[in-house]
Amino acid sequence: AGKTTTLRILACDLLPTSGSVRVGGLDVVEKPHEVRG
């Protein structure tokens, strides 16, 4: 269904093709290292 792929994007293990994901105000594409922390 796409569960694991979604989780990997949230964990910065994969980058999205498009769209935005922000964790604690940080964008997973622009600041992946900070998000992983």
All heavy atoms as atom14 arrays in JSON, in Angstrom:
{
  "sequence": "AGKTTTLRILACDLLPTSGSVRVGGLDVVEKPHEVRG",
  "atom14_mask": [
    [1, 1, 1, 1, 1, 0, 0, 0, 0, 0, 0, 0, 0, 0],
    [1, 1, 1, 1, 0, 0, 0, 0, 0, 0, 0, 0, 0, 0],
    [1, 1, 1, 1, 1, 1, 1, 1, 1, 0, 0, 0, 0, 0],
    [1, 1, 1, 1, 1, 1, 1, 0, 0, 0, 0, 0, 0, 0],
    [1, 1, 1, 1, 1, 1, 1, 0, 0, 0, 0, 0, 0, 0],
    [1, 1, 1, 1, 1, 1, 1, 0, 0, 0, 0, 0, 0, 0],
    [1, 1, 1, 1, 1, 1, 1, 1, 0, 0, 0, 0, 0, 0],
    [1, 1, 1, 1, 1, 1, 1, 1, 1, 1, 1, 0, 0, 0],
    [1, 1, 1, 1, 1, 1, 1, 1, 0, 0, 0, 0, 0, 0],
    [1, 1, 1, 1, 1, 1, 1, 1, 0, 0, 0, 0, 0, 0],
    [1, 1, 1, 1, 1, 0, 0, 0, 0, 0, 0, 0, 0, 0],
    [1, 1, 1, 1, 1, 1, 0, 0, 0, 0, 0, 0, 0, 0],
    [1, 1, 1, 1, 1, 1, 1, 1, 0, 0, 0, 0, 0, 0],
    [1, 1, 1, 1, 1, 1, 1, 1, 0, 0, 0, 0, 0, 0],
    [1, 1, 1, 1, 1, 1, 1, 1, 0, 0, 0, 0, 0, 0],
    [1, 1, 1, 1, 1, 1, 1, 0, 0, 0, 0, 0, 0, 0],
    [1, 1, 1, 1, 1, 1, 1, 0, 0, 0, 0, 0, 0, 0],
    [1, 1, 1, 1, 1, 1, 0, 0, 0, 0, 0, 0, 0, 0],
    [1, 1, 1, 1, 0, 0, 0, 0, 0, 0, 0, 0, 0, 0],
    [1, 1, 1, 1, 1, 1, 0, 0, 0, 0, 0, 0, 0, 0],
    [1, 1, 1, 1, 1, 1, 1, 0, 0, 0, 0, 0, 0, 0],
    [1, 1, 1, 1, 1, 1, 1, 1, 1, 1, 1, 0, 0, 0],
    [1, 1, 1, 1, 1, 1, 1, 0, 0, 0, 0, 0, 0, 0],
    [1, 1, 1, 1, 0, 0, 0, 0, 0, 0, 0, 0, 0, 0],
    [1, 1, 1, 1, 0, 0, 0, 0, 0, 0, 0, 0, 0, 0],
    [1, 1, 1, 1, 1, 1, 1, 1, 0, 0, 0, 0, 0, 0],
    [1, 1, 1, 1, 1, 1, 1, 1, 0, 0, 0, 0, 0, 0],
    [1, 1, 1, 1, 1, 1, 1, 0, 0, 0, 0, 0, 0, 0],
    [1, 1, 1, 1, 1, 1, 1, 0, 0, 0, 0, 0, 0, 0],
    [1, 1, 1, 1, 1, 1, 1, 1, 1, 0, 0, 0, 0, 0],
    [1, 1, 1, 1, 1, 1, 1, 1, 1, 0, 0, 0, 0, 0],
    [1, 1, 1, 1, 1, 1, 1, 0, 0, 0, 0, 0, 0, 0],
    [1, 1, 1, 1, 1, 1, 1, 1, 1, 1, 0, 0, 0, 0],
    [1, 1, 1, 1, 1, 1, 1, 1, 1, 0, 0, 0, 0, 0],
    [1, 1, 1, 1, 1, 1, 1, 0, 0, 0, 0, 0, 0, 0],
    [1, 1, 1, 1, 1, 1, 1, 1, 1, 1, 1, 0, 0, 0],
    [1, 1, 1, 1, 0, 0, 0, 0, 0, 0, 0, 0, 0, 0]
  ],
  "atom14_positions": [
    [[0.81, -1.22, 0.0], [0.0, 0.0, 0.0], [0.84, 1.27, 0.0], [0.34, 2.35, -0.3], [-0.93, 0.02, 1.21], [0.0, 0.0, 0.0], [0.0, 0.0, 0.0], [0.0, 0.0, 0.0], [0.0, 0.0, 0.0], [0.0, 0.0, 0.0], [0.0, 0.0, 0.0], [0.0, 0.0, 0.0], [0.0, 0.0, 0.0], [0.0, 0.0, 0.0]],
    [[2.13, 1.16, 0.35], [3.01, 2.33, 0.39], [3.42, 2.73, 1.8], [4.03, 3.78, 1.99], [0.0, 0.0, 0.0], [0.0, 0.0, 0.0], [0.0, 0.0, 0.0], [0.0, 0.0, 0.0], [0.0, 0.0, 0.0], [0.0, 0.0, 0.0], [0.0, 0.0, 0.0], [0.0, 0.0, 0.0], [0.0, 0.0, 0.0], [0.0, 0.0, 0.0]],
    [[3.13, 1.88, 2.8], [3.44, 2.22, 4.2], [4.94, 2.37, 4.42], [5.4, 3.38, 4.96], [2.89, 1.14, 5.14], [1.41, 0.89, 5.04], [0.92, -0.02, 6.13], [1.62, -1.38, 6.17], [1.38, -2.17, 4.94], [0.0, 0.0, 0.0], [0.0, 0.0, 0.0], [0.0, 0.0, 0.0], [0.0, 0.0, 0.0], [0.0, 0.0, 0.0]],
    [[5.71, 1.36, 4.02], [7.15, 1.37, 4.29], [7.84, 2.51, 3.54], [8.72, 3.18, 4.09], [7.78, 0.02, 3.92], [7.29, -0.99, 4.81], [9.3, 0.08, 4.02], [0.0, 0.0, 0.0], [0.0, 0.0, 0.0], [0.0, 0.0, 0.0], [0.0, 0.0, 0.0], [0.0, 0.0, 0.0], [0.0, 0.0, 0.0], [0.0, 0.0, 0.0]],
    [[7.45, 2.75, 2.3], [8.04, 3.86, 1.54], [7.76, 5.18, 2.24], [8.65, 6.04, 2.36], [7.49, 3.88, 0.11], [7.83, 2.65, -0.55], [8.07, 5.05, -0.67], [0.0, 0.0, 0.0], [0.0, 0.0, 0.0], [0.0, 0.0, 0.0], [0.0, 0.0, 0.0], [0.0, 0.0, 0.0], [0.0, 0.0, 0.0], [0.0, 0.0, 0.0]],
    [[6.54, 5.37, 2.73], [6.2, 6.6, 3.45], [7.07, 6.75, 4.69], [7.59, 7.84, 4.97], [4.71, 6.59, 3.84], [3.91, 6.48, 2.66], [4.34, 7.85, 4.6], [0.0, 0.0, 0.0], [0.0, 0.0, 0.0], [0.0, 0.0, 0.0], [0.0, 0.0, 0.0], [0.0, 0.0, 0.0], [0.0, 0.0, 0.0], [0.0, 0.0, 0.0]],
    [[7.25, 5.67, 5.44], [8.06, 5.74, 6.65], [9.52, 6.04, 6.33], [10.19, 6.8, 7.04], [7.97, 4.42, 7.43], [6.61, 4.07, 8.04], [6.73, 2.82, 8.89], [6.07, 5.22, 8.88], [0.0, 0.0, 0.0], [0.0, 0.0, 0.0], [0.0, 0.0, 0.0], [0.0, 0.0, 0.0], [0.0, 0.0, 0.0], [0.0, 0.0, 0.0]],
    [[10.03, 5.46, 5.27], [11.42, 5.71, 4.89], [11.63, 7.17, 4.5], [12.7, 7.75, 4.77], [11.84, 4.79, 3.74], [11.95, 3.32, 4.15], [12.39, 2.46, 2.98], [13.75, 2.79, 2.58], [14.36, 2.3, 1.48], [13.67, 1.48, 0.68], [15.58, 2.64, 1.2], [0.0, 0.0, 0.0], [0.0, 0.0, 0.0], [0.0, 0.0, 0.0]],
    [[10.63, 7.79, 3.89], [10.73, 9.21, 3.56], [10.71, 10.05, 4.84], [11.5, 10.98, 5.01], [9.61, 9.63, 2.61], [9.81, 8.98, 1.23], [9.55, 11.15, 2.46], [8.64, 9.16, 0.28], [0.0, 0.0, 0.0], [0.0, 0.0, 0.0], [0.0, 0.0, 0.0], [0.0, 0.0, 0.0], [0.0, 0.0, 0.0], [0.0, 0.0, 0.0]],
    [[9.83, 9.69, 5.79], [9.77, 10.42, 7.06], [11.07, 10.31, 7.83], [11.48, 11.24, 8.52], [8.61, 9.89, 7.91], [7.2, 10.16, 7.4], [6.18, 9.53, 8.34], [6.94, 11.64, 7.27], [0.0, 0.0, 0.0], [0.0, 0.0, 0.0], [0.0, 0.0, 0.0], [0.0, 0.0, 0.0], [0.0, 0.0, 0.0], [0.0, 0.0, 0.0]],
    [[11.75, 9.16, 7.7], [13.01, 8.94, 8.41], [14.22, 9.43, 7.64], [15.35, 9.24, 8.07], [13.17, 7.45, 8.72], [0.0, 0.0, 0.0], [0.0, 0.0, 0.0], [0.0, 0.0, 0.0], [0.0, 0.0, 0.0], [0.0, 0.0, 0.0], [0.0, 0.0, 0.0], [0.0, 0.0, 0.0], [0.0, 0.0, 0.0], [0.0, 0.0, 0.0]],
    [[13.99, 10.07, 6.48], [15.08, 10.55, 5.62], [15.95, 9.42, 5.1], [17.14, 9.6, 4.83], [15.95, 11.58, 6.34], [15.21, 13.21, 6.39], [0.0, 0.0, 0.0], [0.0, 0.0, 0.0], [0.0, 0.0, 0.0], [0.0, 0.0, 0.0], [0.0, 0.0, 0.0], [0.0, 0.0, 0.0], [0.0, 0.0, 0.0], [0.0, 0.0, 0.0]],
    [[15.38, 8.24, 4.96], [16.08, 7.12, 4.34], [15.86, 7.14, 2.83], [16.62, 6.55, 2.08], [15.57, 5.81, 4.95], [16.41, 4.61, 4.55], [17.64, 4.76, 4.46], [15.83, 3.53, 4.32], [0.0, 0.0, 0.0], [0.0, 0.0, 0.0], [0.0, 0.0, 0.0], [0.0, 0.0, 0.0], [0.0, 0.0, 0.0], [0.0, 0.0, 0.0]],
    [[14.79, 7.81, 2.4], [14.49, 8.04, 0.98], [14.1, 9.5, 0.8], [13.55, 10.11, 1.72], [13.3, 7.17, 0.53], [13.51, 5.72, 0.16], [12.16, 5.1, -0.19], [14.47, 5.57, -1.0], [0.0, 0.0, 0.0], [0.0, 0.0, 0.0], [0.0, 0.0, 0.0], [0.0, 0.0, 0.0], [0.0, 0.0, 0.0], [0.0, 0.0, 0.0]],
    [[14.36, 10.04, -0.37], [13.9, 11.38, -0.69], [12.62, 11.29, -1.52], [12.48, 10.39, -2.34], [14.97, 12.15, -1.47], [16.23, 12.51, -0.69], [17.22, 13.23, -1.61], [15.91, 13.38, 0.52], [0.0, 0.0, 0.0], [0.0, 0.0, 0.0], [0.0, 0.0, 0.0], [0.0, 0.0, 0.0], [0.0, 0.0, 0.0], [0.0, 0.0, 0.0]],
    [[11.68, 12.22, -1.31], [10.45, 12.2, -2.11], [10.73, 12.63, -3.55], [11.69, 13.34, -3.82], [9.56, 13.21, -1.4], [10.51, 14.15, -0.73], [11.69, 13.32, -0.34], [0.0, 0.0, 0.0], [0.0, 0.0, 0.0], [0.0, 0.0, 0.0], [0.0, 0.0, 0.0], [0.0, 0.0, 0.0], [0.0, 0.0, 0.0], [0.0, 0.0, 0.0]],
    [[9.87, 12.19, -4.46], [9.96, 12.67, -5.84], [9.51, 14.12, -5.91], [10.12, 14.94, -6.6], [9.09, 11.8, -6.76], [9.54, 10.44, -6.68], [9.19, 12.27, -8.21], [0.0, 0.0, 0.0], [0.0, 0.0, 0.0], [0.0, 0.0, 0.0], [0.0, 0.0, 0.0], [0.0, 0.0, 0.0], [0.0, 0.0, 0.0], [0.0, 0.0, 0.0]],
    [[8.45, 14.44, -5.21], [7.99, 15.83, -5.13], [7.11, 15.99, -3.91], [6.8, 15.02, -3.21], [7.24, 16.23, -6.39], [6.0, 15.56, -6.45], [0.0, 0.0, 0.0], [0.0, 0.0, 0.0], [0.0, 0.0, 0.0], [0.0, 0.0, 0.0], [0.0, 0.0, 0.0], [0.0, 0.0, 0.0], [0.0, 0.0, 0.0], [0.0, 0.0, 0.0]],
    [[6.69, 17.24, -3.66], [5.94, 17.53, -2.46], [6.88, 17.92, -1.34], [8.1, 17.98, -1.52], [0.0, 0.0, 0.0], [0.0, 0.0, 0.0], [0.0, 0.0, 0.0], [0.0, 0.0, 0.0], [0.0, 0.0, 0.0], [0.0, 0.0, 0.0], [0.0, 0.0, 0.0], [0.0, 0.0, 0.0], [0.0, 0.0, 0.0], [0.0, 0.0, 0.0]],
    [[6.33, 18.21, -0.18], [7.15, 18.64, 0.95], [6.84, 17.82, 2.19], [5.7, 17.44, 2.44], [6.93, 20.12, 1.25], [5.62, 20.35, 1.73], [0.0, 0.0, 0.0], [0.0, 0.0, 0.0], [0.0, 0.0, 0.0], [0.0, 0.0, 0.0], [0.0, 0.0, 0.0], [0.0, 0.0, 0.0], [0.0, 0.0, 0.0], [0.0, 0.0, 0.0]],
    [[7.9, 17.53, 2.95], [7.78, 16.86, 4.24], [8.64, 17.66, 5.21], [9.84, 17.82, 5.01], [8.27, 15.4, 4.18], [8.16, 14.76, 5.56], [7.48, 14.6, 3.16], [0.0, 0.0, 0.0], [0.0, 0.0, 0.0], [0.0, 0.0, 0.0], [0.0, 0.0, 0.0], [0.0, 0.0, 0.0], [0.0, 0.0, 0.0], [0.0, 0.0, 0.0]],
    [[8.0, 18.14, 6.28], [8.72, 18.92, 7.28], [8.57, 18.23, 8.63], [7.47, 17.88, 9.05], [8.19, 20.35, 7.36], [8.28, 21.1, 6.03], [7.76, 22.52, 6.14], [8.66, 23.36, 6.92], [9.71, 23.99, 6.39], [10.0, 23.87, 5.1], [10.49, 24.74, 7.15], [0.0, 0.0, 0.0], [0.0, 0.0, 0.0], [0.0, 0.0, 0.0]],
    [[9.72, 18.04, 9.29], [9.76, 17.42, 10.62], [10.33, 18.44, 11.59], [11.48, 18.87, 11.44], [10.62, 16.14, 10.62], [10.71, 15.56, 12.02], [10.05, 15.11, 9.66], [0.0, 0.0, 0.0], [0.0, 0.0, 0.0], [0.0, 0.0, 0.0], [0.0, 0.0, 0.0], [0.0, 0.0, 0.0], [0.0, 0.0, 0.0], [0.0, 0.0, 0.0]],
    [[9.53, 18.86, 12.56], [9.99, 19.88, 13.49], [10.38, 21.17, 12.8], [11.29, 21.88, 13.24], [0.0, 0.0, 0.0], [0.0, 0.0, 0.0], [0.0, 0.0, 0.0], [0.0, 0.0, 0.0], [0.0, 0.0, 0.0], [0.0, 0.0, 0.0], [0.0, 0.0, 0.0], [0.0, 0.0, 0.0], [0.0, 0.0, 0.0], [0.0, 0.0, 0.0]],
    [[9.7, 21.48, 11.7], [9.97, 22.7, 10.96], [11.08, 22.59, 9.94], [11.33, 23.53, 9.19], [0.0, 0.0, 0.0], [0.0, 0.0, 0.0], [0.0, 0.0, 0.0], [0.0, 0.0, 0.0], [0.0, 0.0, 0.0], [0.0, 0.0, 0.0], [0.0, 0.0, 0.0], [0.0, 0.0, 0.0], [0.0, 0.0, 0.0], [0.0, 0.0, 0.0]],
    [[11.75, 21.43, 9.87], [12.87, 21.23, 8.94], [12.41, 20.43, 7.73], [11.74, 19.39, 7.88], [14.03, 20.51, 9.64], [14.64, 21.22, 10.85], [15.66, 20.32, 11.53], [15.29, 22.53, 10.43], [0.0, 0.0, 0.0], [0.0, 0.0, 0.0], [0.0, 0.0, 0.0], [0.0, 0.0, 0.0], [0.0, 0.0, 0.0], [0.0, 0.0, 0.0]],
    [[12.79, 20.85, 6.54], [12.44, 20.16, 5.32], [13.38, 18.98, 5.11], [14.61, 19.12, 5.21], [12.54, 21.12, 4.12], [11.96, 20.52, 2.86], [12.66, 19.7, 2.22], [10.82, 20.86, 2.52], [0.0, 0.0, 0.0], [0.0, 0.0, 0.0], [0.0, 0.0, 0.0], [0.0, 0.0, 0.0], [0.0, 0.0, 0.0], [0.0, 0.0, 0.0]],
    [[12.81, 17.79, 4.79], [13.64, 16.58, 4.67], [14.55, 16.62, 3.46], [15.56, 15.91, 3.41], [12.76, 15.31, 4.62], [11.93, 15.16, 5.87], [11.88, 15.3, 3.38], [0.0, 0.0, 0.0], [0.0, 0.0, 0.0], [0.0, 0.0, 0.0], [0.0, 0.0, 0.0], [0.0, 0.0, 0.0], [0.0, 0.0, 0.0], [0.0, 0.0, 0.0]],
    [[14.22, 17.44, 2.44], [15.08, 17.56, 1.26], [16.17, 18.59, 1.48], [17.34, 18.36, 1.16], [14.23, 17.93, 0.02], [15.13, 18.17, -1.2], [13.23, 16.82, -0.29], [0.0, 0.0, 0.0], [0.0, 0.0, 0.0], [0.0, 0.0, 0.0], [0.0, 0.0, 0.0], [0.0, 0.0, 0.0], [0.0, 0.0, 0.0], [0.0, 0.0, 0.0]],
    [[15.82, 19.71, 2.07], [16.78, 20.8, 2.26], [17.75, 20.52, 3.4], [18.93, 20.9, 3.32], [16.03, 22.11, 2.52], [15.19, 22.58, 1.34], [14.38, 23.81, 1.68], [14.44, 24.26, 2.87], [13.7, 24.34, 0.79], [0.0, 0.0, 0.0], [0.0, 0.0, 0.0], [0.0, 0.0, 0.0], [0.0, 0.0, 0.0], [0.0, 0.0, 0.0]],
    [[17.28, 19.87, 4.47], [18.14, 19.65, 5.64], [18.01, 18.21, 6.16], [17.6, 17.98, 7.3], [17.77, 20.64, 6.74], [18.0, 22.1, 6.34], [17.74, 23.05, 7.49], [18.04, 24.49, 7.08], [17.8, 25.44, 8.19], [0.0, 0.0, 0.0], [0.0, 0.0, 0.0], [0.0, 0.0, 0.0], [0.0, 0.0, 0.0], [0.0, 0.0, 0.0]],
    [[18.38, 17.24, 5.32], [18.2, 15.83, 5.73], [19.02, 15.44, 6.95], [18.56, 14.66, 7.78], [18.62, 15.05, 4.49], [19.51, 15.98, 3.73], [18.97, 17.35, 3.98], [0.0, 0.0, 0.0], [0.0, 0.0, 0.0], [0.0, 0.0, 0.0], [0.0, 0.0, 0.0], [0.0, 0.0, 0.0], [0.0, 0.0, 0.0], [0.0, 0.0, 0.0]],
    [[20.25, 15.95, 7.08], [21.09, 15.57, 8.22], [20.51, 16.08, 9.53], [20.51, 15.36, 10.55], [22.5, 16.11, 8.03], [23.21, 15.53, 6.84], [23.49, 14.18, 6.73], [23.67, 16.11, 5.71], [24.1, 13.95, 5.58], [24.22, 15.1, 4.94], [0.0, 0.0, 0.0], [0.0, 0.0, 0.0], [0.0, 0.0, 0.0], [0.0, 0.0, 0.0]],
    [[19.98, 17.32, 9.52], [19.36, 17.86, 10.73], [18.1, 17.08, 11.09], [17.84, 16.81, 12.27], [19.03, 19.34, 10.54], [20.23, 20.25, 10.5], [20.81, 20.41, 9.1], [20.55, 19.52, 8.24], [21.53, 21.39, 8.86], [0.0, 0.0, 0.0], [0.0, 0.0, 0.0], [0.0, 0.0, 0.0], [0.0, 0.0, 0.0], [0.0, 0.0, 0.0]],
    [[17.33, 16.68, 10.08], [16.12, 15.9, 10.34], [16.48, 14.55, 10.94], [15.85, 14.1, 11.91], [15.29, 15.72, 9.06], [14.14, 14.74, 9.3], [14.74, 17.05, 8.57], [0.0, 0.0, 0.0], [0.0, 0.0, 0.0], [0.0, 0.0, 0.0], [0.0, 0.0, 0.0], [0.0, 0.0, 0.0], [0.0, 0.0, 0.0], [0.0, 0.0, 0.0]],
    [[17.5, 13.89, 10.39], [17.9, 12.57, 10.93], [18.27, 12.66, 12.4], [18.09, 11.7, 13.15], [19.07, 12.01, 10.11], [18.67, 11.58, 8.7], [19.8, 10.85, 8.01], [19.48, 10.6, 6.62], [20.01, 11.27, 5.6], [20.91, 12.23, 5.83], [19.65, 11.0, 4.36], [0.0, 0.0, 0.0], [0.0, 0.0, 0.0], [0.0, 0.0, 0.0]],
    [[18.8, 13.8, 12.82], [19.15, 13.97, 14.23], [17.93, 14.0, 15.13], [18.04, 13.73, 16.34], [0.0, 0.0, 0.0], [0.0, 0.0, 0.0], [0.0, 0.0, 0.0], [0.0, 0.0, 0.0], [0.0, 0.0, 0.0], [0.0, 0.0, 0.0], [0.0, 0.0, 0.0], [0.0, 0.0, 0.0], [0.0, 0.0, 0.0], [0.0, 0.0, 0.0]]
  ]
}
